[in-house]
Each structure stands twice: as C-alpha cells, then as structure tokens.
C-alpha cells in the first residue's frame, strides 16, 4: 500500500515490488511488466505487447525520494536517472519490461 502505479494501458507490478534495506539507505524496486494482449498468457504466442505510456510511480510511505532511476536492457546504457516530483517519478515509455528504483530518505 506504500506504492501506486498508473500506466496506459496498464502494467503488472503488485507482485514485483521489493524493498531493499542496507546500512544507511532504503531502496524500493518496482518491476513494471506489460500485460499480455490476452488474459491467458499461454495463448499470447505472437509475442506482441502494447507500448506502455504515461507511467507514474508514486511512493506513499514515510520519508522522501532522494534519487530515482529507471533500468532496462532495452534502453541504451541500461539505466537513466529520473527526476522525482515530490514522491512521484515518470519513467519513459516502454514495451515489455522496466525497473524503477527509488532511493528513500527517512523511510519506514
């Protein structure tokens, strides 16, 4: 309940969000996966996926987002910094899979 994700036409992410705590920092990793074109993923043999646009990831927990970046093997350079607007970041458009990483300050 500490995250919300909005995207068009929608993504799977609920079961693919993790918190990593290290000695002096906390990071939230959110895997964004394009949903298959059909409900039954086994029937989606043609491999086509929709382009995911207008995505926002919002952290609703305690603390602030100090840094954020997106990671994907489908981007040149594999990672790119994101600018947090408050507790929300907006990753670039994608087709299949992207990871958003939020580094927190004062998280629970």
N, C-alpha and C. Protein backbone atom coordinates (compact mmCIF):
# COMPACT_ATOMS: atom_id res chain seq x y z
N UNK A 1 0.81 -1.20 0.00
CA UNK A 1 0.00 0.00 0.00
C UNK A 1 0.85 1.26 0.00
N UNK A 2 2.18 1.13 0.03
CA UNK A 2 3.02 2.32 0.02
C UNK A 2 3.37 2.77 -1.39
N UNK A 3 2.89 2.06 -2.41
CA UNK A 3 3.15 2.44 -3.79
C UNK A 3 1.85 2.54 -4.57
N UNK A 4 1.86 3.40 -5.57
CA UNK A 4 0.80 3.37 -6.57
C UNK A 4 1.47 3.53 -7.93
N UNK A 5 0.94 2.82 -8.91
CA UNK A 5 1.47 2.87 -10.27
C UNK A 5 0.31 3.12 -11.21
N UNK A 6 0.46 4.13 -12.04
CA UNK A 6 -0.52 4.42 -13.09
C UNK A 6 0.20 4.30 -14.42
N UNK A 7 -0.43 3.65 -15.39
CA UNK A 7 0.16 3.50 -16.72
C UNK A 7 -0.94 3.23 -17.73
N UNK A 8 -0.68 3.59 -18.95
CA UNK A 8 -1.60 3.29 -20.04
C UNK A 8 -0.93 2.30 -20.98
N UNK A 9 -1.51 1.18 -21.31
CA UNK A 9 -2.82 0.69 -20.95
C UNK A 9 -2.85 -0.06 -19.62
N UNK A 10 -1.80 -0.10 -18.87
CA UNK A 10 -1.76 -0.80 -17.59
C UNK A 10 -0.60 -1.76 -17.54
N UNK A 11 -0.09 -1.99 -16.35
CA UNK A 11 1.06 -2.88 -16.16
C UNK A 11 0.83 -3.79 -14.97
N UNK A 12 1.54 -4.91 -14.98
CA UNK A 12 1.63 -5.76 -13.79
C UNK A 12 2.78 -5.24 -12.96
N UNK A 13 2.58 -5.07 -11.66
CA UNK A 13 3.66 -4.64 -10.78
C UNK A 13 3.46 -5.08 -9.34
N UNK A 14 2.25 -5.34 -8.89
CA UNK A 14 1.98 -5.63 -7.48
C UNK A 14 2.85 -6.74 -6.90
N UNK A 15 3.04 -7.80 -7.64
CA UNK A 15 3.82 -8.94 -7.13
C UNK A 15 5.31 -8.79 -7.43
N UNK A 16 5.70 -7.65 -8.01
CA UNK A 16 7.08 -7.47 -8.44
C UNK A 16 7.69 -6.19 -7.88
N UNK A 17 7.32 -5.83 -6.67
CA UNK A 17 7.86 -4.65 -5.99
C UNK A 17 8.55 -5.11 -4.71
N UNK A 18 9.75 -4.61 -4.48
CA UNK A 18 10.57 -5.07 -3.37
C UNK A 18 11.23 -3.90 -2.67
N UNK A 19 11.47 -4.06 -1.37
CA UNK A 19 12.24 -3.09 -0.60
C UNK A 19 13.56 -3.73 -0.21
N UNK A 20 14.63 -2.98 -0.42
CA UNK A 20 15.97 -3.44 -0.04
C UNK A 20 16.51 -2.46 0.99
N UNK A 21 16.86 -2.96 2.15
CA UNK A 21 17.44 -2.12 3.19
C UNK A 21 18.91 -2.46 3.34
N UNK A 22 19.74 -1.41 3.30
CA UNK A 22 21.16 -1.55 3.56
C UNK A 22 21.46 -0.73 4.81
N UNK A 23 22.71 -0.65 5.18
CA UNK A 23 23.08 0.01 6.43
C UNK A 23 22.51 1.43 6.54
N UNK A 24 22.64 2.23 5.52
CA UNK A 24 22.24 3.63 5.64
C UNK A 24 21.23 4.07 4.58
N UNK A 25 20.62 3.12 3.88
CA UNK A 25 19.67 3.52 2.85
C UNK A 25 18.60 2.45 2.65
N UNK A 26 17.52 2.90 2.07
CA UNK A 26 16.42 2.00 1.72
C UNK A 26 16.07 2.29 0.27
N UNK A 27 15.91 1.23 -0.50
CA UNK A 27 15.53 1.36 -1.91
C UNK A 27 14.30 0.53 -2.19
N UNK A 28 13.43 1.08 -3.03
CA UNK A 28 12.26 0.36 -3.49
C UNK A 28 12.46 0.07 -4.97
N UNK A 29 12.37 -1.22 -5.34
CA UNK A 29 12.48 -1.65 -6.73
C UNK A 29 11.11 -2.05 -7.22
N UNK A 30 10.69 -1.48 -8.34
CA UNK A 30 9.38 -1.78 -8.90
C UNK A 30 9.57 -2.26 -10.33
N UNK A 31 9.27 -3.54 -10.55
CA UNK A 31 9.32 -4.10 -11.89
C UNK A 31 7.98 -3.81 -12.56
N UNK A 32 8.03 -3.15 -13.71
CA UNK A 32 6.83 -2.84 -14.49
C UNK A 32 6.81 -3.78 -15.68
N UNK A 33 5.78 -4.62 -15.78
CA UNK A 33 5.68 -5.58 -16.87
C UNK A 33 4.44 -5.32 -17.70
N UNK A 34 4.62 -5.31 -19.00
CA UNK A 34 3.49 -5.13 -19.91
C UNK A 34 2.60 -6.36 -19.82
N UNK A 35 1.32 -6.13 -19.62
CA UNK A 35 0.37 -7.25 -19.55
C UNK A 35 0.22 -7.86 -20.94
N UNK A 36 0.00 -9.17 -21.03
CA UNK A 36 -0.19 -9.80 -22.34
C UNK A 36 -1.45 -9.29 -23.02
N UNK A 37 -1.48 -9.43 -24.33
CA UNK A 37 -2.65 -8.95 -25.09
C UNK A 37 -3.91 -9.74 -24.77
N UNK A 38 -3.74 -10.99 -24.35
CA UNK A 38 -4.90 -11.81 -23.96
C UNK A 38 -4.76 -12.18 -22.49
N UNK A 39 -5.87 -12.44 -21.83
CA UNK A 39 -5.82 -12.79 -20.41
C UNK A 39 -5.00 -14.03 -20.15
N UNK A 40 -5.09 -15.02 -21.02
CA UNK A 40 -4.34 -16.25 -20.83
C UNK A 40 -2.97 -16.09 -21.47
N UNK A 41 -1.94 -15.93 -20.67
CA UNK A 41 -0.61 -15.65 -21.19
C UNK A 41 -0.10 -16.76 -22.12
N UNK A 42 -0.55 -18.00 -21.89
CA UNK A 42 -0.12 -19.11 -22.75
C UNK A 42 -0.67 -18.96 -24.17
N UNK A 43 -1.78 -18.25 -24.33
CA UNK A 43 -2.35 -18.03 -25.66
C UNK A 43 -1.73 -16.86 -26.40
N UNK A 44 -0.85 -16.12 -25.76
CA UNK A 44 -0.24 -14.93 -26.35
C UNK A 44 1.05 -15.31 -27.07
N UNK A 45 0.97 -16.23 -28.01
CA UNK A 45 2.14 -16.80 -28.66
C UNK A 45 2.78 -15.88 -29.69
N UNK A 46 2.05 -14.86 -30.18
CA UNK A 46 2.63 -13.99 -31.20
C UNK A 46 3.64 -13.00 -30.63
N UNK A 47 3.71 -12.88 -29.33
CA UNK A 47 4.73 -12.06 -28.69
C UNK A 47 4.47 -10.56 -28.73
N UNK A 48 3.35 -10.15 -29.25
CA UNK A 48 3.08 -8.72 -29.34
C UNK A 48 2.66 -8.17 -27.98
N UNK A 49 3.19 -6.99 -27.67
CA UNK A 49 2.79 -6.28 -26.46
C UNK A 49 2.49 -4.83 -26.82
N UNK A 50 1.71 -4.20 -26.00
CA UNK A 50 1.38 -2.80 -26.23
C UNK A 50 2.46 -1.89 -25.67
N UNK A 51 2.59 -0.72 -26.24
CA UNK A 51 3.51 0.29 -25.70
C UNK A 51 2.89 0.88 -24.43
N UNK A 52 3.67 0.92 -23.38
CA UNK A 52 3.22 1.47 -22.10
C UNK A 52 3.64 2.94 -22.06
N UNK A 53 2.66 3.81 -21.85
CA UNK A 53 2.92 5.25 -21.86
C UNK A 53 2.33 5.90 -20.62
N UNK A 54 2.69 7.13 -20.42
CA UNK A 54 2.15 7.95 -19.32
C UNK A 54 2.21 7.21 -17.99
N UNK A 55 3.36 6.66 -17.69
CA UNK A 55 3.54 5.89 -16.46
C UNK A 55 3.99 6.80 -15.33
N UNK A 56 3.45 6.58 -14.15
CA UNK A 56 3.94 7.26 -12.95
C UNK A 56 3.99 6.26 -11.81
N UNK A 57 5.06 6.35 -11.04
CA UNK A 57 5.24 5.53 -9.84
C UNK A 57 5.31 6.49 -8.67
N UNK A 58 4.43 6.29 -7.68
CA UNK A 58 4.35 7.19 -6.54
C UNK A 58 4.60 6.41 -5.26
N UNK A 59 5.54 6.90 -4.46
CA UNK A 59 5.81 6.33 -3.14
C UNK A 59 4.94 7.06 -2.13
N UNK A 60 4.15 6.32 -1.36
CA UNK A 60 3.20 6.93 -0.42
C UNK A 60 3.58 6.69 1.04
N UNK A 61 4.78 6.13 1.26
CA UNK A 61 5.21 5.84 2.61
C UNK A 61 5.90 7.02 3.28
N UNK A 62 6.46 6.75 4.46
CA UNK A 62 7.18 7.78 5.21
C UNK A 62 8.49 8.11 4.49
N UNK A 63 8.96 9.32 4.68
CA UNK A 63 10.22 9.72 4.07
C UNK A 63 10.03 10.31 2.69
N UNK A 64 11.15 10.62 2.05
CA UNK A 64 11.13 11.26 0.74
C UNK A 64 11.94 10.44 -0.25
N UNK A 65 11.73 10.72 -1.52
CA UNK A 65 12.52 10.10 -2.58
C UNK A 65 13.72 10.98 -2.85
N UNK A 66 14.92 10.49 -2.48
CA UNK A 66 16.15 11.26 -2.68
C UNK A 66 16.67 11.14 -4.11
N UNK A 67 16.65 9.93 -4.65
CA UNK A 67 17.13 9.68 -6.01
C UNK A 67 16.23 8.64 -6.64
N UNK A 68 16.19 8.65 -7.96
CA UNK A 68 15.40 7.64 -8.67
C UNK A 68 16.03 7.42 -10.04
N UNK A 69 15.86 6.21 -10.56
CA UNK A 69 16.32 5.91 -11.89
C UNK A 69 15.54 4.75 -12.46
N UNK A 70 15.59 4.62 -13.79
CA UNK A 70 14.95 3.52 -14.49
C UNK A 70 16.03 2.65 -15.10
N UNK A 71 15.76 1.34 -15.12
CA UNK A 71 16.72 0.36 -15.62
C UNK A 71 16.00 -0.56 -16.59
N UNK A 72 16.63 -0.81 -17.74
CA UNK A 72 16.05 -1.72 -18.72
C UNK A 72 17.11 -2.16 -19.71
N UNK A 73 17.15 -3.45 -20.03
CA UNK A 73 18.10 -3.90 -21.06
C UNK A 73 17.70 -3.40 -22.45
N UNK A 74 16.53 -2.81 -22.58
CA UNK A 74 16.04 -2.31 -23.86
C UNK A 74 16.35 -0.83 -24.07
N UNK A 75 17.04 -0.19 -23.11
CA UNK A 75 17.44 1.21 -23.24
C UNK A 75 18.93 1.28 -23.51
N UNK A 76 19.34 2.27 -24.27
CA UNK A 76 20.77 2.49 -24.46
C UNK A 76 21.38 2.87 -23.11
N UNK A 77 22.47 2.21 -22.75
CA UNK A 77 23.12 2.47 -21.47
C UNK A 77 22.50 1.75 -20.28
N UNK A 78 21.39 1.13 -20.44
CA UNK A 78 20.68 0.30 -19.46
C UNK A 78 20.08 1.06 -18.28
N UNK A 79 20.58 2.23 -17.95
CA UNK A 79 19.97 2.95 -16.82
C UNK A 79 19.96 4.44 -17.12
N UNK A 80 18.97 5.11 -16.52
CA UNK A 80 18.81 6.53 -16.76
C UNK A 80 18.23 7.15 -15.48
N UNK A 81 18.79 8.29 -15.02
CA UNK A 81 18.22 8.94 -13.83
C UNK A 81 16.82 9.48 -14.11
N UNK A 82 16.00 9.48 -13.09
CA UNK A 82 14.66 10.06 -13.16
C UNK A 82 14.58 11.22 -12.17
N UNK A 83 13.82 12.23 -12.50
CA UNK A 83 13.61 13.36 -11.60
C UNK A 83 12.34 13.11 -10.80
N UNK A 84 12.49 13.13 -9.49
CA UNK A 84 11.32 12.95 -8.62
C UNK A 84 10.62 14.29 -8.47
N UNK A 85 9.31 14.27 -8.65
CA UNK A 85 8.49 15.44 -8.38
C UNK A 85 7.69 15.10 -7.14
N UNK A 86 8.21 15.54 -6.01
CA UNK A 86 7.66 15.10 -4.73
C UNK A 86 8.03 13.64 -4.54
N UNK A 87 7.03 12.78 -4.44
CA UNK A 87 7.26 11.35 -4.27
C UNK A 87 6.92 10.57 -5.53
N UNK A 88 6.78 11.27 -6.66
CA UNK A 88 6.38 10.64 -7.91
C UNK A 88 7.47 10.77 -8.96
N UNK A 89 7.69 9.67 -9.70
CA UNK A 89 8.60 9.69 -10.84
C UNK A 89 7.84 9.22 -12.07
N UNK A 90 8.30 9.66 -13.24
CA UNK A 90 7.66 9.30 -14.50
C UNK A 90 8.71 8.68 -15.42
N UNK A 91 8.76 7.33 -15.46
CA UNK A 91 9.70 6.67 -16.38
C UNK A 91 9.29 6.87 -17.83
N UNK A 92 10.25 6.67 -18.72
CA UNK A 92 9.97 6.80 -20.15
C UNK A 92 9.10 5.63 -20.63
N UNK A 93 8.51 5.80 -21.81
CA UNK A 93 7.65 4.77 -22.40
C UNK A 93 8.45 3.49 -22.66
N UNK A 94 7.76 2.36 -22.64
CA UNK A 94 8.44 1.08 -22.88
C UNK A 94 7.44 0.07 -23.42
N UNK A 95 7.97 -1.06 -23.90
CA UNK A 95 7.11 -2.10 -24.48
C UNK A 95 6.96 -3.33 -23.60
N UNK A 96 8.01 -3.82 -22.99
CA UNK A 96 7.94 -5.11 -22.32
C UNK A 96 8.17 -5.04 -20.82
N UNK A 97 9.29 -4.45 -20.42
CA UNK A 97 9.68 -4.54 -19.01
C UNK A 97 10.61 -3.40 -18.66
N UNK A 98 10.42 -2.84 -17.48
CA UNK A 98 11.28 -1.77 -16.99
C UNK A 98 11.30 -1.86 -15.47
N UNK A 99 12.41 -1.45 -14.88
CA UNK A 99 12.53 -1.41 -13.42
C UNK A 99 12.69 0.05 -13.01
N UNK A 100 11.93 0.47 -12.01
CA UNK A 100 12.08 1.80 -11.42
C UNK A 100 12.63 1.60 -10.02
N UNK A 101 13.68 2.35 -9.71
CA UNK A 101 14.33 2.26 -8.39
C UNK A 101 14.20 3.60 -7.70
N UNK A 102 13.68 3.57 -6.49
CA UNK A 102 13.53 4.76 -5.67
C UNK A 102 14.45 4.63 -4.47
N UNK A 103 15.34 5.59 -4.26
CA UNK A 103 16.18 5.60 -3.08
C UNK A 103 15.55 6.57 -2.08
N UNK A 104 15.28 6.09 -0.89
CA UNK A 104 14.49 6.84 0.09
C UNK A 104 15.35 7.44 1.17
N UNK A 105 14.85 8.53 1.76
CA UNK A 105 15.45 9.16 2.92
C UNK A 105 14.39 9.19 4.01
N UNK A 106 14.68 8.60 5.13
CA UNK A 106 13.74 8.62 6.23
C UNK A 106 12.58 7.67 6.07
N UNK A 107 12.75 6.64 5.25
CA UNK A 107 11.69 5.65 5.05
C UNK A 107 11.43 4.84 6.29
N UNK A 108 10.31 4.17 6.32
CA UNK A 108 9.94 3.36 7.49
C UNK A 108 10.73 2.09 7.56
